[in-house]
Each structure stands twice: as structure tokens, then as C-alpha cells.
Amino acid sequence: EVARDHAPDAARALIIGGPPDVEDLRVAAELGCTWLNVDKTYLTPAVTRDLLGKGFRIGAWTVNDPDQAVGLARLGVECIITDVRAVPLL
């Protein structure tokens, strides 16, 4: 609520700790969140399609495997959250 009140035009995300459920979506909508940040474990193709179909943008955490990141991006996940430091390409 603080972010919404102080920066109403800033995009906001709800961080979901388990499988996304109806209550998560209700809270996200109530807070004006346009993003859902979801544990990668729960982002099956069906769940991802459902969330995208409801108008949310999706971030996935914590993705440390590049192949998994590519697979999630192909499902429509737009934000990959990792704790692996990027290595510069030479």
C-alpha cells in the first residue's frame, strides 16, 4: 500500500511464496499489482497461461539455470530473478 500511495504510476508486483491461488490474485488486484513474482517451481505451462490470461505479467524466482530461464521465457515469463552473478561475455 505504501508504494501505491507514494508512486501510484509505478508498476507493482506481488511476491507469491507458494502455488498461485485465488486469494493471491484477489490481493494482487486489490493492490493494483500488474506483476506476479512466482517461485519457478509452480510455473507450469497451464499455470503460466492462466495467469497471463488474467492479465498479469510474470516474474520467476529463483532461476539459476540458463536453460530453465529460456524455457520460462518461452512460456511468457518476462522477468527472471536469479542469485547468480552475470559473467561478462568476451
C-alpha atoms as a PDB file:
ATOM      1  CA  GLU A   1       0.000   0.000   0.000  1.00  0.00           C
ATOM      2  CA  VAL A   2       2.881   2.389   0.726  1.00  0.00           C
ATOM      3  CA  ALA A   3       4.284   2.014  -2.797  1.00  0.00           C
ATOM      4  CA  ARG A   4       0.829   2.513  -4.294  1.00  0.00           C
ATOM      5  CA  ASP A   5       0.225   5.650  -2.235  1.00  0.00           C
ATOM      6  CA  HIS A   6       3.627   7.234  -2.908  1.00  0.00           C
ATOM      7  CA  ALA A   7       4.153   6.162  -6.520  1.00  0.00           C
ATOM      8  CA  PRO A   8       0.773   5.271  -7.989  1.00  0.00           C
ATOM      9  CA  ASP A   9       2.142   5.047 -11.542  1.00  0.00           C
ATOM     10  CA  ALA A  10       4.972   2.634 -10.659  1.00  0.00           C
ATOM     11  CA  ALA A  11       4.452  -1.000 -11.633  1.00  0.00           C
ATOM     12  CA  ARG A  12       3.972  -3.223  -8.603  1.00  0.00           C
ATOM     13  CA  ALA A  13       4.324  -6.963  -8.126  1.00  0.00           C
ATOM     14  CA  LEU A  14       3.003  -9.391  -5.568  1.00  0.00           C
ATOM     15  CA  ILE A  15       5.579 -11.968  -4.473  1.00  0.00           C
ATOM     16  CA  ILE A  16       3.868 -15.344  -4.154  1.00  0.00           C
ATOM     17  CA  GLY A  17       5.527 -17.942  -1.927  1.00  0.00           C
ATOM     18  CA  GLY A  18       3.512 -20.984  -2.964  1.00  0.00           C
ATOM     19  CA  PRO A  19       1.288 -22.011  -5.828  1.00  0.00           C
ATOM     20  CA  PRO A  20      -0.719 -19.001  -7.007  1.00  0.00           C
ATOM     21  CA  ASP A  21      -4.289 -19.221  -5.747  1.00  0.00           C
ATOM     22  CA  VAL A  22      -7.498 -17.218  -5.911  1.00  0.00           C
ATOM     23  CA  GLU A  23      -6.612 -15.250  -2.787  1.00  0.00           C
ATOM     24  CA  ASP A  24      -3.232 -14.228  -4.235  1.00  0.00           C
ATOM     25  CA  LEU A  25      -4.939 -12.943  -7.374  1.00  0.00           C
ATOM     26  CA  ARG A  26      -7.539 -11.081  -5.314  1.00  0.00           C
ATOM     27  CA  VAL A  27      -4.855  -9.385  -3.210  1.00  0.00           C
ATOM     28  CA  ALA A  28      -2.784  -8.521  -6.296  1.00  0.00           C
ATOM     29  CA  ALA A  29      -5.806  -6.937  -7.970  1.00  0.00           C
ATOM     30  CA  GLU A  30      -6.799  -5.087  -4.797  1.00  0.00           C
ATOM     31  CA  LEU A  31      -3.298  -3.603  -4.504  1.00  0.00           C
ATOM     32  CA  GLY A  32      -3.147  -2.717  -8.197  1.00  0.00           C
ATOM     33  CA  CYS A  33      -0.312  -5.138  -8.940  1.00  0.00           C
ATOM     34  CA  THR A  34       0.291  -5.809 -12.616  1.00  0.00           C
ATOM     35  CA  TRP A  35       3.055  -8.342 -11.941  1.00  0.00           C
ATOM     36  CA  LEU A  36       3.183 -11.615 -10.042  1.00  0.00           C
ATOM     37  CA  ASN A  37       6.593 -12.884  -8.939  1.00  0.00           C
ATOM     38  CA  VAL A  38       6.211 -16.636  -8.549  1.00  0.00           C
ATOM     39  CA  ASP A  39       8.501 -19.417  -7.328  1.00  0.00           C
ATOM     40  CA  LYS A  40       9.623 -21.154 -10.542  1.00  0.00           C
ATOM     41  CA  THR A  41       8.512 -24.491  -9.098  1.00  0.00           C
ATOM     42  CA  TYR A  42       4.887 -23.532  -9.629  1.00  0.00           C
ATOM     43  CA  LEU A  43       5.130 -22.067 -13.133  1.00  0.00           C
ATOM     44  CA  THR A  44       3.852 -24.952 -15.184  1.00  0.00           C
ATOM     45  CA  PRO A  45       2.639 -24.179 -18.699  1.00  0.00           C
ATOM     46  CA  ALA A  46      -1.000 -24.345 -17.514  1.00  0.00           C
ATOM     47  CA  VAL A  47      -0.448 -22.051 -14.513  1.00  0.00           C
ATOM     48  CA  THR A  48       1.529 -19.584 -16.606  1.00  0.00           C
ATOM     49  CA  ARG A  49      -1.167 -19.499 -19.309  1.00  0.00           C
ATOM     50  CA  ASP A  50      -3.835 -18.956 -16.659  1.00  0.00           C
ATOM     51  CA  LEU A  51      -2.000 -16.045 -15.019  1.00  0.00           C
ATOM     52  CA  LEU A  52      -1.211 -14.424 -18.361  1.00  0.00           C
ATOM     53  CA  GLY A  53      -4.838 -14.896 -19.402  1.00  0.00           C
ATOM     54  CA  LYS A  54      -5.884 -12.985 -16.295  1.00  0.00           C
ATOM     55  CA  GLY A  55      -3.774 -10.052 -17.444  1.00  0.00           C
ATOM     56  CA  PHE A  56      -0.774 -10.390 -15.136  1.00  0.00           C
ATOM     57  CA  ARG A  57       2.849 -10.112 -16.178  1.00  0.00           C
ATOM     58  CA  ILE A  58       5.047 -12.781 -14.598  1.00  0.00           C
ATOM     59  CA  GLY A  59       8.424 -12.888 -12.926  1.00  0.00           C
ATOM     60  CA  ALA A  60      10.013 -16.190 -11.837  1.00  0.00           C
ATOM     61  CA  TRP A  61      12.342 -16.732  -8.877  1.00  0.00           C
ATOM     62  CA  THR A  62      14.947 -18.086  -8.150  1.00  0.00           C
ATOM     63  CA  VAL A  63      16.143 -19.267 -11.549  1.00  0.00           C
ATOM     64  CA  ASN A  64      19.853 -20.079 -11.722  1.00  0.00           C
ATOM     65  CA  ASP A  65      19.865 -22.394 -14.739  1.00  0.00           C
ATOM     66  CA  PRO A  66      20.090 -20.647 -18.129  1.00  0.00           C
ATOM     67  CA  ASP A  67      18.136 -23.394 -19.917  1.00  0.00           C
ATOM     68  CA  GLN A  68      15.350 -23.131 -17.365  1.00  0.00           C
ATOM     69  CA  ALA A  69      15.308 -19.347 -17.816  1.00  0.00           C
ATOM     70  CA  VAL A  70      14.922 -19.769 -21.577  1.00  0.00           C
ATOM     71  CA  GLY A  71      12.109 -22.291 -21.083  1.00  0.00           C
ATOM     72  CA  LEU A  72      10.254 -19.943 -18.746  1.00  0.00           C
ATOM     73  CA  ALA A  73      10.707 -17.045 -21.172  1.00  0.00           C
ATOM     74  CA  ARG A  74       9.190 -19.201 -23.913  1.00  0.00           C
ATOM     75  CA  LEU A  75       6.136 -19.689 -21.674  1.00  0.00           C
ATOM     76  CA  GLY A  76       5.725 -15.923 -21.415  1.00  0.00           C
ATOM     77  CA  VAL A  77       7.650 -15.157 -18.225  1.00  0.00           C
ATOM     78  CA  GLU A  78       9.152 -11.682 -18.690  1.00  0.00           C
ATOM     79  CA  CYS A  79      11.355 -11.355 -15.615  1.00  0.00           C
ATOM     80  CA  ILE A  80      13.889 -13.881 -14.384  1.00  0.00           C
ATOM     81  CA  ILE A  81      15.103 -13.375 -10.823  1.00  0.00           C
ATOM     82  CA  THR A  82      18.391 -15.080 -10.026  1.00  0.00           C
ATOM     83  CA  ASP A  83      21.078 -15.056  -7.382  1.00  0.00           C
ATOM     84  CA  VAL A  84      23.847 -15.932  -9.822  1.00  0.00           C
ATOM     85  CA  ARG A  85      26.112 -13.120 -10.789  1.00  0.00           C
ATOM     86  CA  ALA A  86      26.296 -12.435 -14.511  1.00  0.00           C
ATOM     87  CA  VAL A  87      29.536 -13.339 -16.223  1.00  0.00           C
ATOM     88  CA  PRO A  88      30.669 -10.896 -18.918  1.00  0.00           C
ATOM     89  CA  LEU A  89      30.818 -12.364 -22.403  1.00  0.00           C
ATOM     90  CA  LEU A  90      34.168 -11.919 -24.102  1.00  0.00           C
END
